[in-house]
């Protein structure tokens, strides 16, 4: 019986790992467009030959993102997928074709699922030996690990680099081997080129490394320079490698005018308030008051604050002798990141997800949370279940599955095989990632398939977009993907012109809660795919305009 009780935490951790994998491969909630347009969307066209769309960050005139992290995390898996499909085609003797959307989605998520275990590895080594299993359970049960961390966010990679930096810094404290400064230099440059905001997390660590260098060199300037010369060389060489790769990717050559330092471009872009205004301006207290409690959940944040109070009161010294300096460093990193990132008026919760590992390590090493009772467990479990369900499944949850179904309608339905033109329109949803529609680029070039995103256009604009003049008399199809609450806002005559082909459930639109409630739970939580009868729309428009004129009179 005792052996079984001892094994329960291990079984629980194994179950949470399986749950993480299920969320990664089947959780189609859509948190933010950046999870696709800062990664898979950029590289899929090059590697897989599918149609994709590049956002402003990848404009060669002023690129703000490095291609290297994208290539390492998604580009290599996509290239391996392409090679495996070519090998299959060669063996079975049939021509190659683009992979299915679900396969692209799985490969993309699998890459970040594997990278998420770096956080498990780091937190395992950042806490006391006797508390490693509770630390793993706390980390693995966080909704962040089931949502943000298994998705292709640049913030997810940033979290990996922050955790690795803390682990390497701890190794440096304990073993005092200079090789760890070299590894820290490598990780820090990779972190900065992934997201410039990594510097806010790494800043106190960099100061500690400099202090360590002075202590090791016995405050000799020549000794200090010798000690840090190799790490500096590695950092400069790595940075030049990033610059070389980015310059070739964006311009195809290394002319002086084409040299790109993407972190500097990112900084220059974000220093202009007019640029930030396009993405939304927030009060500078939002990170501290809203976003940090949202990432940590109030239950964990309570113990983080208690642990930091213990550190300030110098009551935690005896508890942290086995981890000299690293607990204080994690505390400094949390306050450094929260403070520096709060300077910028554009603030989102995901900007703070790299703080999860240091916060968990701090509370576990402090020890108070290990004695937490049922109240903490209740708030922790319920809070993480709600947030994991919201962001992992419900939020904009119909967009990605709808792309899979539209792909099947275009390529796998016999009735569409004779069509000359298929137009796919998304309305009142997050921006659809084109690479997960898996449309062959040649089909877009030949105009057999076209894709439009109407975003949050008005009903009149949406209807008007279907009335573009037809350039030829070949059979064509218009597919509309939109929430049912948006379709209900159309005039009755126009609604009759939409034939429902498929319904995706669940799909929660947090920007239109009241409209979703008005149409009932089933339609309010569904995204529809409709076949638009454009001829019917043309006939309905005069009647609707006449009705509007009568109302105006």
Protein backbone atom coordinates (compact mmCIF):
# COMPACT_ATOMS: atom_id res chain seq x y z
CA UNK A 1 0.00 0.00 0.00
CA UNK A 2 2.87 2.37 0.86
CA UNK A 3 4.55 1.61 -2.45
CA UNK A 4 1.34 2.44 -4.31
CA UNK A 5 1.02 5.78 -2.50
CA UNK A 6 4.61 6.62 -3.39
CA UNK A 7 3.91 5.84 -7.04
CA UNK A 8 0.76 7.98 -7.26
CA UNK A 9 2.67 11.26 -7.96
CA UNK A 10 4.65 9.53 -10.71
CA UNK A 11 1.45 8.22 -12.30
CA UNK A 12 -0.08 11.68 -12.00
CA UNK A 13 2.91 13.25 -13.76
CA UNK A 14 2.77 10.63 -16.51
CA UNK A 15 -0.94 11.36 -16.96
CA UNK A 16 -0.27 15.10 -17.20
CA UNK A 17 2.41 14.48 -19.84
CA UNK A 18 -0.10 12.45 -21.87
CA UNK A 19 -2.64 15.26 -21.42
CA UNK A 20 -0.06 17.75 -22.69
CA UNK A 21 0.48 15.63 -25.78
CA UNK A 22 -3.28 15.43 -26.39
CA UNK A 23 -3.63 19.20 -26.10
CA UNK A 24 -0.70 19.64 -28.49
CA UNK A 25 -2.01 17.31 -31.18
CA UNK A 26 -5.78 17.80 -30.79
CA UNK A 27 -6.26 21.13 -29.01
CA UNK A 28 -7.42 23.38 -31.83
CA UNK A 29 -8.16 26.45 -29.74
CA UNK A 30 -6.67 29.55 -31.38
CA UNK A 31 -5.02 31.86 -28.83
CA UNK A 32 -3.50 34.55 -31.06
CA UNK A 33 -2.59 34.86 -34.76
CA UNK A 34 1.10 35.14 -33.81
CA UNK A 35 1.19 31.45 -32.94
CA UNK A 36 1.01 30.70 -36.66
CA UNK A 37 2.10 33.87 -38.45
CA UNK A 38 5.39 34.16 -36.55
CA UNK A 39 6.40 30.59 -37.30
CA UNK A 40 4.77 27.93 -39.47
CA UNK A 41 3.14 30.33 -41.91
CA UNK A 42 6.54 31.84 -42.70
CA UNK A 43 8.37 28.65 -43.59
CA UNK A 44 5.65 26.33 -44.95
CA UNK A 45 5.60 27.88 -48.40
CA UNK A 46 9.34 27.40 -48.85
CA UNK A 47 9.54 23.87 -47.48
CA UNK A 48 6.18 22.33 -48.41
CA UNK A 49 5.09 24.26 -51.50
CA UNK A 50 1.77 25.31 -49.97
CA UNK A 51 0.26 28.77 -50.18
CA UNK A 52 1.18 30.99 -47.23
CA UNK A 53 0.94 34.62 -46.19
CA UNK A 54 3.70 36.76 -44.69
CA UNK A 55 2.81 39.51 -42.23
CA UNK A 56 4.51 42.88 -41.75
CA UNK A 57 7.21 41.39 -39.50
CA UNK A 58 8.67 39.53 -42.49
CA UNK A 59 8.71 42.42 -44.93
CA UNK A 60 12.21 42.44 -46.52
CA UNK A 61 12.15 46.25 -46.47
CA UNK A 62 12.21 46.25 -42.65
CA UNK A 63 12.22 42.70 -41.20
CA UNK A 64 11.65 42.48 -37.44
CA UNK A 65 12.02 38.71 -36.95
CA UNK A 66 14.91 36.32 -37.48
CA UNK A 67 14.29 33.34 -39.73
CA UNK A 68 16.75 31.13 -37.80
CA UNK A 69 14.47 30.20 -34.84
CA UNK A 70 11.64 29.50 -37.29
CA UNK A 71 13.85 27.28 -39.39
CA UNK A 72 15.19 25.35 -36.39
CA UNK A 73 11.79 24.69 -34.81
CA UNK A 74 9.45 24.30 -37.78
CA UNK A 75 11.51 24.50 -40.95
CA UNK A 76 13.54 21.36 -40.23
CA UNK A 77 10.46 19.25 -39.29
CA UNK A 78 8.65 20.51 -42.40
CA UNK A 79 11.67 19.65 -44.56
CA UNK A 80 11.78 16.15 -43.09
CA UNK A 81 8.06 15.81 -43.78
CA UNK A 82 8.61 16.85 -47.39
CA UNK A 83 11.44 14.33 -47.80
CA UNK A 84 9.36 11.54 -46.28
CA UNK A 85 6.46 12.29 -48.64
CA UNK A 86 8.81 12.32 -51.63
CA UNK A 87 10.23 8.96 -50.58
CA UNK A 88 6.73 7.54 -50.27
CA UNK A 89 5.81 8.85 -53.71
CA UNK A 90 8.97 7.32 -55.21
CA UNK A 91 8.32 3.92 -53.65
CA UNK A 92 4.64 3.84 -54.64
CA UNK A 93 5.32 5.37 -58.07
CA UNK A 94 2.89 8.30 -58.00
CA UNK A 95 3.40 12.03 -58.29
CA UNK A 96 3.99 14.13 -55.20
CA UNK A 97 1.39 16.34 -53.60
CA UNK A 98 1.13 18.72 -50.68
CA UNK A 99 0.65 17.08 -47.27
CA UNK A 100 -2.75 17.23 -45.61
CA UNK A 101 -3.52 20.14 -43.26
CA UNK A 102 -3.87 17.83 -40.26
CA UNK A 103 -0.43 16.37 -40.92
CA UNK A 104 1.16 19.84 -41.17
CA UNK A 105 -0.62 20.83 -37.96
CA UNK A 106 0.61 17.72 -36.12
CA UNK A 107 4.23 18.14 -37.23
CA UNK A 108 4.21 21.81 -36.23
CA UNK A 109 2.78 21.08 -32.79
CA UNK A 110 4.98 18.01 -32.23
CA UNK A 111 8.10 20.13 -32.56
CA UNK A 112 6.99 22.46 -29.77
CA UNK A 113 5.66 19.61 -27.66
CA UNK A 114 9.17 18.15 -27.61
CA UNK A 115 10.73 21.52 -26.80
CA UNK A 116 8.34 21.93 -23.85
CA UNK A 117 10.10 19.08 -22.03
CA UNK A 118 13.20 21.28 -21.77
CA UNK A 119 11.22 23.19 -19.14
CA UNK A 120 10.57 19.94 -17.22
CA UNK A 121 14.28 19.12 -17.36
CA UNK A 122 15.28 22.56 -16.13
CA UNK A 123 12.80 22.79 -13.27
CA UNK A 124 13.82 19.26 -12.20
CA UNK A 125 17.40 20.48 -11.68
CA UNK A 126 16.56 23.93 -10.30
CA UNK A 127 14.95 22.59 -7.11
CA UNK A 128 16.06 20.44 -4.19
CA UNK A 129 16.44 16.73 -4.84
CA UNK A 130 13.63 15.87 -2.41
CA UNK A 131 11.19 18.28 -4.08
CA UNK A 132 11.74 17.40 -7.73
CA UNK A 133 8.55 15.40 -8.21
CA UNK A 134 6.29 18.09 -6.67
CA UNK A 135 8.00 20.65 -8.91
CA UNK A 136 7.33 18.54 -12.00
CA UNK A 137 3.70 18.05 -10.96
CA UNK A 138 3.24 21.78 -10.43
CA UNK A 139 4.75 22.61 -13.81
CA UNK A 140 2.96 19.86 -15.73
CA UNK A 141 -0.43 20.78 -14.25
CA UNK A 142 -0.15 24.43 -15.32
CA UNK A 143 -2.43 25.34 -18.22
CA UNK A 144 0.50 27.23 -19.76
CA UNK A 145 2.18 23.91 -20.53
CA UNK A 146 -0.97 22.58 -22.25
CA UNK A 147 -1.62 25.71 -24.29
CA UNK A 148 1.07 28.34 -24.88
CA UNK A 149 4.10 26.10 -24.49
CA UNK A 150 3.02 23.47 -27.06
CA UNK A 151 2.19 26.08 -29.71
CA UNK A 152 4.57 27.76 -32.15
CA UNK A 153 4.81 31.05 -30.27
CA UNK A 154 8.14 32.85 -30.19
CA UNK A 155 7.31 33.33 -26.48
CA UNK A 156 7.42 29.54 -26.06
CA UNK A 157 10.98 29.47 -27.39
CA UNK A 158 11.85 32.44 -25.20
CA UNK A 159 10.65 30.46 -22.17
CA UNK A 160 12.96 27.59 -23.14
CA UNK A 161 15.97 29.94 -23.38
CA UNK A 162 15.17 31.59 -20.03
CA UNK A 163 14.91 28.19 -18.30
CA UNK A 164 18.17 27.00 -19.90
CA UNK A 165 19.91 30.22 -18.84
CA UNK A 166 18.87 29.73 -15.21
CA UNK A 167 20.03 26.12 -15.25
CA UNK A 168 23.40 26.99 -16.78
CA UNK A 169 23.84 29.83 -14.30
CA UNK A 170 23.17 27.43 -11.44
CA UNK A 171 25.78 25.04 -12.87
CA UNK A 172 28.20 27.95 -13.01
CA UNK A 173 27.52 28.80 -9.35
CA UNK A 174 27.98 25.23 -8.17
CA UNK A 175 30.80 23.93 -10.36
CA UNK A 176 32.60 27.17 -11.29
CA UNK A 177 33.57 25.77 -14.70
CA UNK A 178 34.07 28.51 -17.34
CA UNK A 179 32.51 26.37 -20.10
CA UNK A 180 29.11 27.34 -18.71
CA UNK A 181 29.80 30.98 -19.55
CA UNK A 182 30.33 29.89 -23.17
CA UNK A 183 27.00 28.05 -23.19
CA UNK A 184 25.31 31.03 -21.56
CA UNK A 185 26.70 33.28 -24.29
CA UNK A 186 25.29 30.97 -26.95
CA UNK A 187 21.87 30.71 -25.32
CA UNK A 188 21.63 34.45 -24.67
CA UNK A 189 22.28 35.37 -28.30
CA UNK A 190 19.75 32.79 -29.49
CA UNK A 191 17.25 34.23 -27.01
CA UNK A 192 17.76 37.82 -28.15
CA UNK A 193 17.38 36.92 -31.83
CA UNK A 194 14.24 34.92 -31.03
CA UNK A 195 12.69 37.79 -29.06
CA UNK A 196 14.47 40.95 -28.05
CA UNK A 197 12.42 40.90 -24.84
CA UNK A 198 14.60 37.98 -23.72
CA UNK A 199 17.08 40.65 -22.61
CA UNK A 200 14.63 41.77 -19.90
CA UNK A 201 14.71 38.27 -18.37
CA UNK A 202 18.46 37.82 -18.84
CA UNK A 203 19.58 41.24 -17.59
CA UNK A 204 20.13 40.29 -13.90
CA UNK A 205 21.80 37.05 -15.01
CA UNK A 206 24.23 39.01 -17.17
CA UNK A 207 25.13 41.21 -14.19
CA UNK A 208 25.69 38.13 -12.05
CA UNK A 209 27.96 36.60 -14.71
CA UNK A 210 30.06 39.77 -14.76
CA UNK A 211 30.31 39.72 -10.96
CA UNK A 212 31.29 36.05 -11.07
CA UNK A 213 33.98 36.87 -13.61
CA UNK A 214 35.48 39.57 -11.40
CA UNK A 215 35.46 37.26 -8.38
CA UNK A 216 37.05 34.41 -10.29
CA UNK A 217 39.75 36.69 -11.71
CA UNK A 218 40.39 38.14 -8.22
CA UNK A 219 39.38 41.54 -9.56
CA UNK A 220 42.20 41.58 -12.07
CA UNK A 221 41.19 43.32 -15.30
CA UNK A 222 43.51 41.20 -17.44
CA UNK A 223 42.27 38.02 -15.77
CA UNK A 224 38.66 39.15 -16.24
CA UNK A 225 39.24 39.77 -19.95
CA UNK A 226 40.91 36.35 -20.40
CA UNK A 227 38.08 34.63 -18.55
CA UNK A 228 35.30 36.17 -20.64
CA UNK A 229 37.13 36.41 -23.98
CA UNK A 230 35.92 33.00 -25.21
CA UNK A 231 32.26 33.60 -24.24
CA UNK A 232 32.44 36.98 -25.96
CA UNK A 233 33.89 35.39 -29.10
CA UNK A 234 31.12 32.76 -29.10
CA UNK A 235 28.44 35.43 -28.64
CA UNK A 236 29.79 37.58 -31.48
CA UNK A 237 30.21 34.59 -33.81
CA UNK A 238 26.68 33.36 -33.08
CA UNK A 239 25.24 36.84 -33.65
CA UNK A 240 27.10 37.11 -36.97
CA UNK A 241 25.65 33.74 -37.95
CA UNK A 242 22.14 35.04 -37.32
CA UNK A 243 22.85 38.23 -39.27
CA UNK A 244 24.29 36.22 -42.16
CA UNK A 245 21.28 33.88 -42.32
CA UNK A 246 18.74 36.71 -42.05
CA UNK A 247 20.45 38.85 -44.67
CA UNK A 248 20.53 35.95 -47.13
CA UNK A 249 16.91 35.03 -46.42
CA UNK A 250 15.47 38.52 -46.83
CA UNK A 251 17.71 39.80 -49.66
CA UNK A 252 19.61 36.88 -51.17
CA UNK A 253 22.97 38.60 -50.85
CA UNK A 254 25.31 40.27 -48.35
CA UNK A 255 25.55 43.78 -49.76
CA UNK A 256 26.24 46.36 -47.03
CA UNK A 257 22.81 47.89 -47.60
CA UNK A 258 21.20 44.47 -47.17
CA UNK A 259 22.73 43.53 -43.82
CA UNK A 260 19.85 42.91 -41.41
CA UNK A 261 20.05 43.07 -37.62
CA UNK A 262 16.49 42.00 -36.86
CA UNK A 263 16.52 42.64 -33.07
CA UNK A 264 17.51 46.25 -33.78
CA UNK A 265 14.68 46.57 -36.32
CA UNK A 266 12.30 45.11 -33.75
CA UNK A 267 13.42 47.69 -31.19
CA UNK A 268 13.13 50.58 -33.64
CA UNK A 269 9.61 49.48 -34.61
CA UNK A 270 8.43 49.22 -31.01
CA UNK A 271 9.86 52.57 -30.00
CA UNK A 272 7.29 54.33 -32.19
CA UNK A 273 3.97 54.79 -30.32
CA UNK A 274 2.10 54.95 -33.63
CA UNK A 275 3.25 51.40 -34.44
CA UNK A 276 2.22 50.07 -31.05
CA UNK A 277 -1.17 51.76 -31.38
CA UNK A 278 -1.93 49.51 -34.35
CA UNK A 279 -1.62 46.48 -32.06
CA UNK A 280 -3.42 47.98 -29.08
CA UNK A 281 -2.25 50.23 -26.25
CA UNK A 282 -2.62 49.08 -22.65
CA UNK A 283 -2.06 50.67 -19.24
CA UNK A 284 1.45 50.05 -17.94
CA UNK A 285 0.14 48.30 -14.83
CA UNK A 286 -1.52 45.56 -16.89
CA UNK A 287 1.39 43.09 -16.64
CA UNK A 288 1.62 43.38 -12.89
CA UNK A 289 -2.07 43.48 -12.04
CA UNK A 290 -3.66 41.28 -14.74
CA UNK A 291 -1.21 39.37 -16.93
CA UNK A 292 1.08 37.99 -14.23
CA UNK A 293 -1.82 36.60 -12.14
CA UNK A 294 -3.29 35.19 -15.35
CA UNK A 295 -0.10 33.29 -16.25
CA UNK A 296 0.73 32.13 -12.72
CA UNK A 297 -2.89 31.94 -11.53
CA UNK A 298 -3.61 33.66 -8.17
CA UNK A 299 -3.02 30.41 -6.26
CA UNK A 300 0.62 30.11 -7.36
CA UNK A 301 1.27 33.85 -7.26
CA UNK A 302 0.29 33.91 -3.58
CA UNK A 303 3.10 31.50 -2.74
CA UNK A 304 5.52 33.35 -5.02
CA UNK A 305 4.93 36.54 -3.04
CA UNK A 306 5.27 34.66 0.25
CA UNK A 307 8.57 33.17 -0.89
CA UNK A 308 9.88 36.58 -1.96
CA UNK A 309 8.89 38.07 1.38
CA UNK A 310 10.91 35.32 3.05
CA UNK A 311 13.89 36.20 0.88
CA UNK A 312 13.59 39.89 1.71
CA UNK A 313 13.32 39.08 5.40
CA UNK A 314 16.41 36.82 5.15
CA UNK A 315 14.46 33.90 6.59
CA UNK A 316 15.05 31.64 3.59
CA UNK A 317 18.85 31.48 3.74
CA UNK A 318 19.02 28.09 5.41
CA UNK A 319 16.53 26.62 2.96
CA UNK A 320 18.53 27.60 -0.11
CA UNK A 321 22.07 26.58 0.82
CA UNK A 322 21.97 23.75 -1.69
CA UNK A 323 21.06 26.27 -4.43
CA UNK A 324 23.37 29.21 -3.62
CA UNK A 325 22.28 32.45 -5.25
CA UNK A 326 19.99 30.90 -7.85
CA UNK A 327 16.75 31.49 -5.91
CA UNK A 328 17.54 35.17 -5.53
CA UNK A 329 18.51 35.28 -9.20
CA UNK A 330 15.13 33.85 -10.23
CA UNK A 331 13.43 36.46 -8.09
CA UNK A 332 15.50 39.21 -9.69
CA UNK A 333 14.70 37.87 -13.15
CA UNK A 334 10.97 37.97 -12.41
CA UNK A 335 11.04 41.57 -11.24
CA UNK A 336 13.40 42.64 -13.99
CA UNK A 337 11.20 41.16 -16.73
CA UNK A 338 7.94 42.40 -15.24
CA UNK A 339 9.29 45.92 -14.73
CA UNK A 340 11.10 46.34 -18.05
CA UNK A 341 8.29 44.83 -20.11
CA UNK A 342 5.81 47.13 -18.36
CA UNK A 343 7.54 50.15 -19.91
CA UNK A 344 6.07 49.20 -23.26
CA UNK A 345 2.36 50.13 -23.50
CA UNK A 346 1.50 47.02 -25.54
CA UNK A 347 1.17 44.13 -23.06
CA UNK A 348 -0.16 40.61 -23.51
CA UNK A 349 -0.18 37.70 -21.03
CA UNK A 350 2.01 35.49 -23.23
CA UNK A 351 4.86 37.97 -22.89
CA UNK A 352 5.29 36.68 -19.31
CA UNK A 353 5.17 32.90 -19.86
CA UNK A 354 8.99 32.59 -19.46
CA UNK A 355 8.42 33.44 -15.78
CA UNK A 356 6.58 30.17 -15.08
CA UNK A 357 9.71 28.07 -14.49
CA UNK A 358 11.48 30.56 -12.18
CA UNK A 359 8.28 31.13 -10.20
CA UNK A 360 7.74 27.40 -9.68
CA UNK A 361 11.39 26.87 -8.74
CA UNK A 362 11.22 29.74 -6.23
CA UNK A 363 8.12 28.45 -4.43
CA UNK A 364 9.33 24.85 -4.38
CA UNK A 365 12.74 25.81 -2.96
CA UNK A 366 11.01 28.02 -0.41
CA UNK A 367 9.01 25.03 0.80
CA UNK A 368 5.78 26.71 1.91
CA UNK A 369 3.83 25.42 -1.07
CA UNK A 370 4.80 21.84 -0.19
CA UNK A 371 2.64 22.22 2.92
CA UNK A 372 -0.29 23.79 1.04
CA UNK A 373 -3.68 22.40 1.89
CA UNK A 374 -6.82 21.61 -0.03
CA UNK A 375 -7.73 25.25 -0.59
CA UNK A 376 -4.63 25.80 -2.74
CA UNK A 377 -5.18 22.53 -4.63
CA UNK A 378 -8.82 23.42 -5.30
CA UNK A 379 -8.01 26.88 -6.68
CA UNK A 380 -4.98 25.60 -8.63
CA UNK A 381 -6.78 22.67 -10.25
CA UNK A 382 -10.03 24.49 -11.04
CA UNK A 383 -8.23 27.58 -12.37
CA UNK A 384 -5.98 25.59 -14.67
CA UNK A 385 -8.80 23.39 -15.94
CA UNK A 386 -10.86 26.46 -16.86
CA UNK A 387 -7.97 28.25 -18.59
CA UNK A 388 -6.75 25.14 -20.39
CA UNK A 389 -10.26 24.48 -21.71
CA UNK A 390 -10.74 28.12 -22.68
CA UNK A 391 -7.48 28.62 -24.58
CA UNK A 392 -6.76 25.04 -25.61
CA UNK A 393 -10.20 24.12 -26.97
CA UNK A 394 -12.85 26.85 -26.99
CA UNK A 395 -11.28 30.16 -27.96
CA UNK A 396 -11.68 30.60 -31.75
CA UNK A 397 -11.68 26.80 -31.72
CA UNK A 398 -13.48 26.38 -35.04
CA UNK A 399 -10.95 28.18 -37.25
CA UNK A 400 -8.31 25.45 -37.54
CA UNK A 401 -10.73 22.49 -37.99
CA UNK A 402 -12.63 24.55 -40.58
CA UNK A 403 -9.43 24.86 -42.62
CA UNK A 404 -9.12 21.08 -42.61
CA UNK A 405 -12.72 20.71 -43.80
CA UNK A 406 -12.42 23.37 -46.50
CA UNK A 407 -9.33 21.60 -47.82
CA UNK A 408 -11.33 18.38 -48.02
CA UNK A 409 -14.18 20.16 -49.83
CA UNK A 410 -11.78 21.57 -52.43
CA UNK A 411 -9.65 18.50 -53.08
CA UNK A 412 -11.57 15.46 -51.90
CA UNK A 413 -15.18 16.19 -52.92
CA UNK A 414 -16.14 14.84 -56.39
CA UNK A 415 -18.63 17.67 -56.93
CA UNK A 416 -15.84 20.27 -56.84
CA UNK A 417 -13.51 18.50 -59.24
CA UNK A 418 -15.02 20.25 -62.31
CA UNK A 419 -14.91 23.74 -60.78
CA UNK A 420 -12.64 26.29 -62.38
CA UNK A 421 -12.54 28.64 -59.41
CA UNK A 422 -13.01 28.18 -55.66
CA UNK A 423 -13.03 31.26 -53.45
CA UNK A 424 -12.58 30.78 -49.71
CA UNK A 425 -13.77 33.66 -47.51
CA UNK A 426 -13.30 33.94 -43.73
CA UNK A 427 -15.41 36.46 -41.87
CA UNK A 428 -15.53 37.48 -38.20
CA UNK A 429 -12.78 35.07 -37.16
CA UNK A 430 -9.11 35.30 -36.31
CA UNK A 431 -6.92 35.50 -39.40
CA UNK A 432 -6.83 31.99 -40.93
CA UNK A 433 -3.28 30.59 -41.32
CA UNK A 434 -3.08 29.76 -45.01
CA UNK A 435 -0.53 26.97 -44.65
CA UNK A 436 -3.05 24.93 -42.63
CA UNK A 437 -5.43 25.10 -45.57
CA UNK A 438 -2.67 23.27 -47.50
CA UNK A 439 -3.57 24.77 -50.86
CA UNK A 440 -0.92 24.09 -53.48
CA UNK A 441 0.81 27.30 -54.53
CA UNK A 442 0.25 26.49 -58.20
CA UNK A 443 -3.51 26.39 -57.56
CA UNK A 444 -3.33 29.92 -56.16
CA UNK A 445 -1.10 31.12 -59.00
CA UNK A 446 -3.54 29.72 -61.56
CA UNK A 447 -6.43 31.32 -59.60
CA UNK A 448 -8.15 27.99 -59.19
CA UNK A 449 -8.27 28.76 -55.47
CA UNK A 450 -8.29 32.18 -53.82
CA UNK A 451 -8.48 33.07 -50.14
CA UNK A 452 -9.83 36.24 -48.56
CA UNK A 453 -9.99 37.34 -44.94
CA UNK A 454 -12.76 39.85 -44.22
CA UNK A 455 -11.80 40.04 -40.54
CA UNK A 456 -14.52 41.97 -38.68
CA UNK A 457 -16.14 43.62 -41.70
CA UNK A 458 -19.75 44.78 -41.46
CA UNK A 459 -22.53 42.57 -42.87
CA UNK A 460 -22.99 44.99 -45.79
CA UNK A 461 -19.30 44.78 -46.65
CA UNK A 462 -19.35 41.01 -46.38
CA UNK A 463 -22.30 40.72 -48.76
CA UNK A 464 -20.75 43.25 -51.11
CA UNK A 465 -17.57 41.17 -51.32
CA UNK A 466 -19.57 38.34 -52.90
CA UNK A 467 -20.73 40.60 -55.71
CA UNK A 468 -17.39 41.11 -57.41
CA UNK A 469 -17.81 40.73 -61.16
CA UNK A 470 -17.20 37.24 -62.49
CA UNK A 471 -14.42 37.31 -65.07
CA UNK A 472 -15.49 34.18 -66.91
CA UNK A 473 -18.44 31.84 -67.23
CA UNK A 474 -16.72 28.74 -65.84
CA UNK A 475 -18.39 27.04 -62.86
CA UNK A 476 -17.15 28.45 -59.57
CA UNK A 477 -17.82 28.11 -55.86
CA UNK A 478 -17.67 30.56 -52.98
CA UNK A 479 -17.13 29.06 -49.52
CA UNK A 480 -17.82 31.22 -46.49
CA UNK A 481 -16.50 30.33 -43.02
CA UNK A 482 -18.12 32.46 -40.33
CA UNK A 483 -19.67 32.16 -36.85
CA UNK A 484 -23.40 31.61 -36.88
CA UNK A 485 -23.98 34.77 -34.85
CA UNK A 486 -22.39 36.78 -37.69
CA UNK A 487 -24.49 35.05 -40.35
CA UNK A 488 -27.64 35.80 -38.32
CA UNK A 489 -26.85 39.51 -38.66
CA UNK A 490 -27.34 39.33 -42.43
CA UNK A 491 -30.66 40.24 -43.97
CA UNK A 492 -33.11 37.35 -44.19
CA UNK A 493 -33.00 37.31 -47.98
CA UNK A 494 -29.19 37.03 -47.93
CA UNK A 495 -29.24 34.29 -45.29
CA UNK A 496 -31.35 32.16 -47.65
CA UNK A 497 -28.50 32.35 -50.16
CA UNK A 498 -26.14 30.50 -47.81
CA UNK A 499 -26.29 26.73 -47.73
CA UNK A 500 -24.71 25.17 -44.67
CA UNK A 501 -22.15 22.54 -45.67
CA UNK A 502 -20.53 21.89 -42.33
CA UNK A 503 -20.61 23.03 -38.72
CA UNK A 504 -17.58 23.18 -36.41
CA UNK A 505 -18.18 22.93 -32.68
CA UNK A 506 -16.96 24.38 -30.35
CA UNK A 507 -16.03 27.90 -31.42
CA UNK A 508 -16.07 30.64 -28.79
CA UNK A 509 -15.81 34.24 -29.95
CA UNK A 510 -14.93 36.29 -26.87
CA UNK A 511 -15.28 39.53 -28.83
CA UNK A 512 -18.98 38.85 -29.50
CA UNK A 513 -20.28 37.19 -26.34
CA UNK A 514 -23.63 38.98 -26.32
CA UNK A 515 -24.30 38.16 -29.99
CA UNK A 516 -23.40 34.51 -29.37
CA UNK A 517 -25.79 34.32 -26.41
CA UNK A 518 -28.64 35.79 -28.47
CA UNK A 519 -28.52 33.00 -31.07
CA UNK A 520 -28.49 30.19 -28.48
CA UNK A 521 -25.72 27.97 -27.15
CA UNK A 522 -25.52 25.63 -30.16
CA UNK A 523 -25.25 28.31 -32.85
CA UNK A 524 -23.43 30.70 -30.52
CA UNK A 525 -20.65 28.14 -30.02
CA UNK A 526 -20.38 27.05 -33.65
CA UNK A 527 -18.55 28.11 -36.79
CA UNK A 528 -20.31 27.40 -40.06
CA UNK A 529 -18.98 26.61 -43.52
CA UNK A 530 -21.45 27.79 -46.16
CA UNK A 531 -21.78 27.48 -49.92
CA UNK A 532 -22.66 30.98 -51.10
CA UNK A 533 -25.08 31.27 -54.00
CA UNK A 534 -23.78 34.49 -55.57
CA UNK A 535 -26.63 34.65 -58.10
CA UNK A 536 -29.10 34.54 -55.22
CA UNK A 537 -27.14 37.29 -53.44
CA UNK A 538 -27.37 39.50 -56.53
CA UNK A 539 -31.13 39.03 -56.66
CA UNK A 540 -31.53 39.69 -52.94
CA UNK A 541 -29.55 42.94 -52.94
CA UNK A 542 -32.13 45.17 -54.74
CA UNK A 543 -34.89 44.05 -52.40
CA UNK A 544 -32.72 44.77 -49.36
CA UNK A 545 -31.73 48.20 -50.69
CA UNK A 546 -35.40 49.05 -51.32
CA UNK A 547 -36.25 47.99 -47.76
CA UNK A 548 -33.42 50.19 -46.41
CA UNK A 549 -34.72 53.18 -48.40
CA UNK A 550 -38.21 52.73 -46.93
CA UNK A 551 -36.77 52.56 -43.42
CA UNK A 552 -34.69 55.70 -44.07
CA UNK A 553 -37.81 57.61 -45.20
